[in-house]
Amino acid sequence: MTGAGQRRVLVVSGEYPPMRGGIGDYTARLVAALAEAGWQASILTAHAAATNPDPRVLPWIDRWGWAAARVVRRAVLATGADLVHIQYQTGAFAMHPVVNLLPHVLRRWLPQVPVLVTFHDLRVPYLFPKAGRAREWANRLLASGAAAVIATNALDRGCLARWPGVAARTALILIGSNLPDVGAVDPVAVRARLGVAPGECAVGFFGFLTRDKGVELLLDALERLPQHRPRLVIIGGALSDTDAANAAYHRELRARLARSPVPATVTGHLAPQDAAEALAALDVVALPFRQGASLRNGTLIAAVRAGAPVVTTAPVPGDALDPLVDGDSVWLVPPWDVDALAGALDRLLARPELRARLREGARAAARAFDWSRIAAEHAALYASLLGKGSRT
């Protein structure tokens, strides 16, 4: 649709800054990196992002319903996009199946424009009561209609590859940190801003307070430590703007934090640079994901890129954390094992040399999550799709 020197992609995302949400932050970093790689991106997203002053942002979606498909078509024509890239997370599209049908609809309307999908998770969308197996079918429908599918971790890639006809069109591209890289940090000044007293140990958590993050397990572990417990510093602590499912859990957890004997600081939203510096300045960052850590977890990548000593949970069978290595760049404990988590925190807080080793290993492993590398892999995939012409 455009000349060789005007490579354009329309990115479709259920959220985008200033909306709060990991997928929106990821998309913003990807768009910036793609610009460096020679791709002009426009972002079609929800009306809630209308205050974003970037002219590339098209906040044209009032609600994710059936009419949204025609809005996507209008955006493709208005921007002259060569291809469409859907950033898929079930909840970000209000659980509506219009996005699952979008590649098939666009192929009929605009057969010359390939559609690819990044699956940020494979949770099945809500369709209607007692939908049963049809819910997984909706995600298979999304994958089957795409010219290419991107997985962000080994487990999802394996799942996608088992779906008929999808394996040959699936690529693995790691995600990057949603926070900027940090240089030299004054840990004393940063810790003072976080309410950490001189000489006080501080264990950090980063991200939204959702059930899958296991923050109550972290509280259990900290409460089992001896007196003079470390301070828990929760960087963030809100919910994303598209997350209605965790509202009750969030209220319960905030109430427990208020009555826990563990001293706690909840920062609320921090500017990205401030959040990155906070991760770098804390003694340990604990991310006890209930279902095991995965490279789909942007908060894990952010902590590693910041050079933090990270304690997290081992991945489930079939997943992997490569290039992160247990005991070298992260410290792994079994999911749901509060005693193991408490033991790991106690050991690392008592052994500064172990924390220093994890910091060094994290910084070395973090090269795999560099945005320039991620953008180059996307650009190569985009060029491959355009070189094939319309989808077969």
Protein backbone atom coordinates (compact mmCIF):
# COMPACT_ATOMS: atom_id res chain seq x y z
CA MET A 1 0.00 0.00 0.00
CA THR A 2 2.96 2.32 0.54
CA GLY A 3 6.33 2.75 -1.08
CA ALA A 4 9.40 0.80 -0.07
CA GLY A 5 10.65 3.71 2.04
CA GLN A 6 7.37 4.12 3.92
CA ARG A 7 6.92 0.98 5.93
CA ARG A 8 3.84 1.35 8.10
CA VAL A 9 2.19 -0.85 10.68
CA LEU A 10 -1.09 -0.35 12.51
CA VAL A 11 -0.79 -1.67 16.06
CA VAL A 12 -4.10 -2.62 17.69
CA SER A 13 -3.99 -2.63 21.49
CA GLY A 14 -6.76 -2.68 24.07
CA GLU A 15 -4.82 -0.21 26.20
CA TYR A 16 -2.20 2.48 25.71
CA PRO A 17 -0.71 5.22 27.90
CA PRO A 18 -1.93 7.16 29.77
CA MET A 19 -4.07 4.11 30.50
CA ARG A 20 -2.42 1.96 33.18
CA GLY A 21 -1.54 -1.52 31.97
CA GLY A 22 1.44 -3.67 31.10
CA ILE A 23 0.36 -4.29 27.52
CA GLY A 24 -0.06 -0.58 26.88
CA ASP A 25 3.39 0.16 28.31
CA TYR A 26 4.91 -2.69 26.26
CA THR A 27 3.25 -1.40 23.10
CA ALA A 28 4.60 2.10 23.67
CA ARG A 29 8.15 0.78 24.07
CA LEU A 30 7.76 -1.43 20.99
CA VAL A 31 6.47 1.46 18.86
CA ALA A 32 9.45 3.61 19.91
CA ALA A 33 11.90 0.82 19.08
CA LEU A 34 10.23 0.13 15.73
CA ALA A 35 10.70 3.78 14.78
CA GLU A 36 14.44 3.31 15.29
CA ALA A 37 14.22 0.22 13.05
CA GLY A 38 12.59 2.19 10.24
CA TRP A 39 8.93 1.37 10.80
CA GLN A 40 6.24 4.02 11.15
CA ALA A 41 3.60 2.81 13.59
CA SER A 42 0.11 4.08 14.39
CA ILE A 43 -1.71 2.78 17.46
CA LEU A 44 -5.43 2.08 17.41
CA THR A 45 -6.69 1.87 20.96
CA ALA A 46 -9.46 2.76 23.39
CA HIS A 47 -10.94 6.22 23.81
CA ALA A 48 -9.55 6.26 27.36
CA ALA A 49 -6.14 7.06 25.82
CA ALA A 50 -7.48 10.22 24.16
CA THR A 51 -5.35 12.54 26.29
CA ASN A 52 -2.15 11.09 24.82
CA PRO A 53 -0.75 13.93 22.68
CA ASP A 54 1.13 11.63 20.28
CA PRO A 55 -0.45 12.06 16.80
CA ARG A 56 0.25 8.39 16.09
CA VAL A 57 -2.30 7.41 18.74
CA LEU A 58 -5.79 6.81 17.35
CA PRO A 59 -8.14 6.53 20.36
CA TRP A 60 -11.10 5.65 18.16
CA ILE A 61 -12.58 2.69 20.04
CA ASP A 62 -15.44 3.70 22.34
CA ARG A 63 -16.05 0.07 23.29
CA TRP A 64 -14.78 -3.27 22.11
CA GLY A 65 -17.86 -4.62 20.34
CA TRP A 66 -18.72 -5.83 16.87
CA ALA A 67 -18.53 -2.30 15.44
CA ALA A 68 -14.83 -2.18 16.34
CA ALA A 69 -13.95 -4.28 13.28
CA ARG A 70 -15.05 -1.50 10.94
CA VAL A 71 -13.08 1.02 12.99
CA VAL A 72 -9.96 -1.11 12.48
CA ARG A 73 -10.62 -1.19 8.73
CA ARG A 74 -11.02 2.61 8.71
CA ALA A 75 -7.73 2.99 10.61
CA VAL A 76 -5.87 0.78 8.11
CA LEU A 77 -7.11 2.90 5.23
CA ALA A 78 -6.47 6.20 7.03
CA THR A 79 -2.87 5.34 7.93
CA GLY A 80 -1.94 3.44 4.77
CA ALA A 81 -0.74 0.56 6.92
CA ASP A 82 1.10 -2.27 5.17
CA LEU A 83 0.14 -4.69 7.94
CA VAL A 84 -1.83 -4.92 11.18
CA HIS A 85 -0.30 -6.11 14.45
CA ILE A 86 -2.68 -7.09 17.28
CA GLN A 87 -1.30 -7.01 20.83
CA TYR A 88 -3.57 -9.63 22.37
CA GLN A 89 -4.45 -9.98 26.01
CA THR A 90 -7.93 -11.22 26.76
CA GLY A 91 -8.94 -8.70 29.42
CA ALA A 92 -7.63 -5.70 27.51
CA PHE A 93 -10.37 -6.15 24.90
CA ALA A 94 -13.18 -6.30 27.46
CA MET A 95 -13.48 -10.08 26.95
CA HIS A 96 -15.22 -9.44 23.61
CA PRO A 97 -14.58 -11.96 20.80
CA VAL A 98 -14.49 -9.31 18.06
CA VAL A 99 -10.70 -9.32 18.25
CA ASN A 100 -10.64 -13.12 17.83
CA LEU A 101 -12.48 -12.76 14.54
CA LEU A 102 -10.57 -9.70 13.37
CA PRO A 103 -7.92 -11.43 11.19
CA HIS A 104 -10.63 -13.31 9.27
CA VAL A 105 -12.74 -10.20 8.76
CA LEU A 106 -9.80 -8.07 7.63
CA ARG A 107 -8.66 -10.77 5.21
CA ARG A 108 -12.01 -10.46 3.45
CA TRP A 109 -12.01 -6.67 3.43
CA LEU A 110 -8.28 -6.02 2.88
CA PRO A 111 -6.67 -9.22 1.55
CA GLN A 112 -3.43 -7.40 0.71
CA VAL A 113 -2.81 -6.42 4.37
CA PRO A 114 -1.35 -9.23 6.52
CA VAL A 115 -2.47 -9.46 10.15
CA LEU A 116 -0.20 -10.83 12.86
CA VAL A 117 -0.90 -11.39 16.53
CA THR A 118 1.28 -11.31 19.64
CA PHE A 119 -0.24 -13.54 22.32
CA HIS A 120 0.74 -11.94 25.61
CA ASP A 121 -1.20 -14.68 27.34
CA LEU A 122 -3.38 -17.58 26.28
CA ARG A 123 -6.12 -17.12 28.84
CA VAL A 124 -9.41 -17.84 27.17
CA PRO A 125 -11.93 -15.00 26.76
CA TYR A 126 -15.34 -14.94 28.37
CA LEU A 127 -17.98 -15.44 25.67
CA PHE A 128 -21.24 -16.32 27.37
CA PRO A 129 -22.37 -18.48 30.33
CA LYS A 130 -21.48 -22.16 29.92
CA ALA A 131 -19.45 -21.49 26.79
CA GLY A 132 -17.16 -24.34 27.81
CA ARG A 133 -14.74 -25.52 25.11
CA ALA A 134 -15.85 -22.75 22.77
CA ARG A 135 -13.72 -20.37 24.82
CA GLU A 136 -10.46 -22.01 23.74
CA TRP A 137 -11.84 -22.22 20.22
CA ALA A 138 -12.00 -18.40 20.19
CA ASN A 139 -8.25 -18.14 20.68
CA ARG A 140 -7.61 -20.84 18.11
CA LEU A 141 -9.76 -18.82 15.73
CA LEU A 142 -7.57 -15.77 16.32
CA ALA A 143 -4.37 -17.72 15.69
CA SER A 144 -5.70 -19.54 12.64
CA GLY A 145 -6.60 -16.30 10.87
CA ALA A 146 -3.25 -14.59 11.41
CA ALA A 147 -0.47 -14.50 8.84
CA ALA A 148 1.98 -14.90 11.73
CA VAL A 149 1.75 -15.49 15.45
CA ILE A 150 4.24 -14.30 18.07
CA ALA A 151 4.71 -16.05 21.40
CA THR A 152 6.62 -14.32 24.19
CA ASN A 153 7.71 -17.45 26.07
CA ALA A 154 8.44 -21.13 25.52
CA LEU A 155 5.25 -22.43 27.12
CA ASP A 156 2.95 -20.36 24.92
CA ARG A 157 4.99 -21.19 21.84
CA GLY A 158 4.55 -24.89 22.57
CA CYS A 159 0.81 -24.48 23.08
CA LEU A 160 0.39 -22.48 19.87
CA ALA A 161 2.45 -25.01 17.92
CA ARG A 162 0.02 -27.77 18.88
CA TRP A 163 -2.90 -26.00 17.22
CA PRO A 164 -3.51 -27.25 13.66
CA GLY A 165 -1.77 -25.15 11.03
CA VAL A 166 -0.27 -22.67 13.48
CA ALA A 167 3.19 -24.13 14.19
CA ALA A 168 4.78 -23.02 10.91
CA ARG A 169 3.57 -19.45 11.48
CA THR A 170 4.70 -19.10 15.11
CA ALA A 171 7.76 -17.08 16.15
CA LEU A 172 9.24 -16.61 19.62
CA ILE A 173 10.16 -12.99 20.38
CA LEU A 174 10.96 -12.09 23.98
CA ILE A 175 9.47 -9.01 25.57
CA GLY A 176 11.54 -6.16 26.97
CA SER A 177 11.31 -4.06 30.09
CA ASN A 178 8.63 -1.40 30.24
CA LEU A 179 11.03 0.74 32.28
CA PRO A 180 14.06 2.68 31.06
CA ASP A 181 17.53 1.39 31.76
CA VAL A 182 19.22 2.85 34.82
CA GLY A 183 22.75 4.10 35.06
CA ALA A 184 24.41 5.06 38.31
CA VAL A 185 21.92 5.11 41.18
CA ASP A 186 22.33 6.73 44.60
CA PRO A 187 20.78 3.94 46.70
CA VAL A 188 20.75 5.99 49.90
CA ALA A 189 18.71 8.79 48.33
CA VAL A 190 16.38 6.38 46.50
CA ARG A 191 15.74 4.29 49.61
CA ALA A 192 15.02 7.43 51.62
CA ARG A 193 12.36 8.42 49.07
CA LEU A 194 10.84 4.96 49.49
CA GLY A 195 10.61 5.30 53.28
CA VAL A 196 13.42 2.84 54.02
CA ALA A 197 15.28 3.84 57.16
CA PRO A 198 19.11 3.77 57.31
CA GLY A 199 20.23 0.23 58.06
CA GLU A 200 16.78 -1.23 57.33
CA CYS A 201 16.57 -4.15 54.90
CA ALA A 202 14.05 -3.77 52.08
CA VAL A 203 12.35 -6.42 49.96
CA GLY A 204 10.60 -5.08 46.90
CA PHE A 205 7.64 -6.15 44.80
CA PHE A 206 6.87 -4.53 41.47
CA GLY A 207 3.61 -4.50 39.55
CA PHE A 208 -0.14 -4.58 39.84
CA LEU A 209 -1.68 -6.30 42.85
CA THR A 210 -3.42 -9.17 41.06
CA ARG A 211 -4.09 -12.66 42.32
CA ASP A 212 -1.58 -14.35 40.01
CA LYS A 213 1.33 -12.31 41.44
CA GLY A 214 1.25 -14.10 44.81
CA VAL A 215 1.73 -11.03 47.00
CA GLU A 216 -0.13 -12.66 49.89
CA LEU A 217 2.39 -15.54 49.72
CA LEU A 218 5.18 -12.98 49.98
CA LEU A 219 3.48 -11.50 53.04
CA ASP A 220 3.23 -14.99 54.56
CA ALA A 221 6.96 -15.50 53.97
CA LEU A 222 7.95 -12.13 55.45
CA GLU A 223 5.77 -12.71 58.52
CA ARG A 224 7.68 -15.96 59.17
CA LEU A 225 11.01 -14.16 59.36
CA PRO A 226 12.38 -13.18 62.79
CA GLN A 227 11.67 -9.84 64.43
CA HIS A 228 13.16 -6.75 62.77
CA ARG A 229 11.56 -7.96 59.59
CA PRO A 230 12.60 -6.27 56.35
CA ARG A 231 10.38 -3.54 54.96
CA LEU A 232 8.15 -4.57 52.06
CA VAL A 233 8.26 -1.92 49.33
CA ILE A 234 5.51 -2.35 46.75
CA ILE A 235 6.40 -0.35 43.66
CA GLY A 236 3.07 0.42 42.06
CA GLY A 237 0.33 -1.45 43.82
CA ALA A 238 -2.72 -0.49 41.77
CA LEU A 239 -4.67 -2.34 39.05
CA SER A 240 -4.56 -1.84 35.31
CA ASP A 241 -7.40 0.23 33.84
CA THR A 242 -8.74 -2.81 31.97
CA ASP A 243 -8.68 -5.25 34.92
CA ALA A 244 -12.10 -5.68 36.52
CA ALA A 245 -11.52 -9.31 37.55
CA ASN A 246 -9.08 -8.50 40.38
CA ALA A 247 -10.96 -5.64 42.06
CA ALA A 248 -12.16 -7.68 45.05
CA TYR A 249 -8.77 -9.34 45.52
CA HIS A 250 -7.08 -5.95 45.40
CA ARG A 251 -9.30 -4.62 48.20
CA GLU A 252 -8.66 -7.71 50.35
CA LEU A 253 -4.91 -7.50 49.88
CA ARG A 254 -4.74 -3.80 50.71
CA ALA A 255 -6.69 -4.52 53.91
CA ARG A 256 -4.26 -7.27 54.85
CA LEU A 257 -1.27 -5.02 54.20
CA ALA A 258 -2.75 -2.52 56.62
CA ARG A 259 -2.97 -5.05 59.47
CA SER A 260 0.21 -7.07 58.78
CA PRO A 261 3.14 -6.84 61.23
CA VAL A 262 5.44 -6.42 58.21
CA PRO A 263 6.29 -2.72 57.71
CA ALA A 264 5.19 -1.79 54.21
CA THR A 265 5.42 1.05 51.76
CA VAL A 266 3.07 1.17 48.77
CA THR A 267 4.39 3.79 46.39
CA GLY A 268 1.44 4.00 44.02
CA HIS A 269 2.29 4.92 40.45
CA LEU A 270 5.88 6.06 39.95
CA ALA A 271 7.42 7.67 36.91
CA PRO A 272 9.22 4.96 34.89
CA GLN A 273 12.70 6.27 35.74
CA ASP A 274 11.84 6.41 39.45
CA ALA A 275 10.46 2.86 39.36
CA ALA A 276 13.60 1.54 37.66
CA GLU A 277 15.83 3.28 40.22
CA ALA A 278 13.75 1.85 43.05
CA LEU A 279 14.22 -1.69 41.74
CA ALA A 280 17.97 -1.14 41.52
CA ALA A 281 18.24 0.27 45.05
CA LEU A 282 16.35 -2.42 46.99
CA ASP A 283 18.11 -5.34 48.69
CA VAL A 284 15.98 -8.02 47.03
CA VAL A 285 13.02 -8.01 44.65
CA ALA A 286 10.56 -10.87 45.24
CA LEU A 287 8.11 -11.91 42.51
CA PRO A 288 6.38 -15.12 43.70
CA PHE A 289 4.11 -15.80 40.72
CA ARG A 290 1.52 -18.41 41.66
CA GLN A 291 1.79 -20.27 38.35
CA GLY A 292 5.57 -20.02 38.14
CA ALA A 293 7.66 -17.30 36.56
CA SER A 294 7.61 -16.89 32.80
CA LEU A 295 9.28 -14.62 30.29
CA ARG A 296 5.80 -13.22 29.60
CA ASN A 297 6.09 -11.46 32.99
CA GLY A 298 7.18 -7.92 32.20
CA THR A 299 7.81 -7.11 35.86
CA LEU A 300 10.40 -9.90 36.01
CA ILE A 301 12.14 -8.55 32.92
CA ALA A 302 12.09 -5.02 34.37
CA ALA A 303 13.69 -6.16 37.63
CA VAL A 304 16.39 -8.09 35.77
CA ARG A 305 17.13 -5.13 33.47
CA ALA A 306 17.49 -2.94 36.58
CA GLY A 307 20.12 -5.31 37.94
CA ALA A 308 18.09 -6.27 41.00
CA PRO A 309 18.71 -9.49 42.97
CA VAL A 310 15.45 -11.30 42.11
CA VAL A 311 13.76 -14.15 43.95
CA THR A 312 10.98 -15.65 41.89
CA THR A 313 9.20 -18.95 41.33
CA ALA A 314 10.43 -21.74 39.07
CA PRO A 315 8.65 -22.05 35.71
CA VAL A 316 6.08 -24.75 35.15
CA PRO A 317 7.07 -27.84 33.10
CA GLY A 318 7.25 -26.93 29.42
CA ASP A 319 8.31 -23.35 30.10
CA ALA A 320 11.83 -21.95 30.46
CA LEU A 321 13.52 -18.79 31.66
CA ASP A 322 16.52 -18.87 29.31
CA PRO A 323 18.77 -16.88 29.43
CA LEU A 324 18.05 -16.48 33.17
CA VAL A 325 19.86 -19.10 35.26
CA ASP A 326 18.93 -20.19 38.78
CA GLY A 327 21.54 -19.08 41.31
CA ASP A 328 23.35 -16.91 38.78
CA SER A 329 20.93 -14.27 37.45
CA VAL A 330 17.81 -15.14 39.50
CA TRP A 331 17.03 -17.19 42.61
CA LEU A 332 14.22 -19.70 42.08
CA VAL A 333 11.87 -21.28 44.62
CA PRO A 334 8.94 -23.65 44.00
CA PRO A 335 5.56 -21.98 43.42
CA TRP A 336 3.32 -21.78 46.51
CA ASP A 337 6.19 -22.85 48.83
CA VAL A 338 6.12 -20.17 51.51
CA ASP A 339 8.85 -21.83 53.60
CA ALA A 340 11.21 -21.95 50.60
CA LEU A 341 10.45 -18.32 49.81
CA ALA A 342 11.08 -17.24 53.40
CA GLY A 343 14.32 -19.24 53.46
CA ALA A 344 15.56 -17.69 50.23
CA LEU A 345 14.82 -14.17 51.44
CA ASP A 346 16.48 -14.81 54.80
CA ARG A 347 19.57 -16.23 53.13
CA LEU A 348 19.96 -13.46 50.56
CA LEU A 349 19.40 -10.68 53.07
CA ALA A 350 22.16 -12.18 55.23
CA ARG A 351 24.62 -12.73 52.35
CA PRO A 352 25.57 -9.56 50.45
CA GLU A 353 27.99 -11.53 48.27
CA LEU A 354 25.08 -13.64 46.95
CA ARG A 355 23.11 -10.51 46.17
CA ALA A 356 26.12 -9.05 44.35
CA ARG A 357 26.43 -12.22 42.25
CA LEU A 358 22.76 -12.06 41.29
CA ARG A 359 23.09 -8.39 40.33
CA GLU A 360 26.05 -9.13 38.08
CA GLY A 361 24.31 -12.13 36.50
CA ALA A 362 21.11 -10.16 35.94
CA ARG A 363 22.93 -7.38 34.12
CA ALA A 364 24.63 -9.91 31.85
CA ALA A 365 21.41 -11.79 31.05
CA ALA A 366 19.52 -8.53 30.47
CA ARG A 367 21.11 -8.13 27.02
CA ALA A 368 18.62 -10.67 25.67
CA PHE A 369 15.78 -8.26 26.48
CA ASP A 370 17.21 -5.24 24.65
CA TRP A 371 14.55 -3.30 22.73
CA SER A 372 16.74 -2.80 19.67
CA ARG A 373 17.06 -6.56 19.36
CA ILE A 374 13.32 -7.04 19.85
CA ALA A 375 12.51 -4.40 17.22
CA ALA A 376 14.93 -5.98 14.74
CA GLU A 377 13.20 -9.36 15.15
CA HIS A 378 9.81 -7.73 14.58
CA ALA A 379 11.10 -5.85 11.53
CA ALA A 380 12.45 -9.07 10.03
CA LEU A 381 9.11 -10.80 10.55
CA TYR A 382 7.18 -7.87 9.08
CA ALA A 383 9.44 -7.84 6.01
CA SER A 384 9.01 -11.59 5.59
CA LEU A 385 5.22 -11.26 5.61
CA LEU A 386 5.23 -8.40 3.11
CA GLY A 387 7.63 -10.30 0.90
CA LYS A 388 5.16 -13.18 0.71
CA GLY A 389 2.38 -10.91 -0.53
CA SER A 390 -1.17 -11.61 0.60
CA ARG A 391 -1.74 -14.42 3.07
CA THR A 392 -2.30 -17.88 1.67
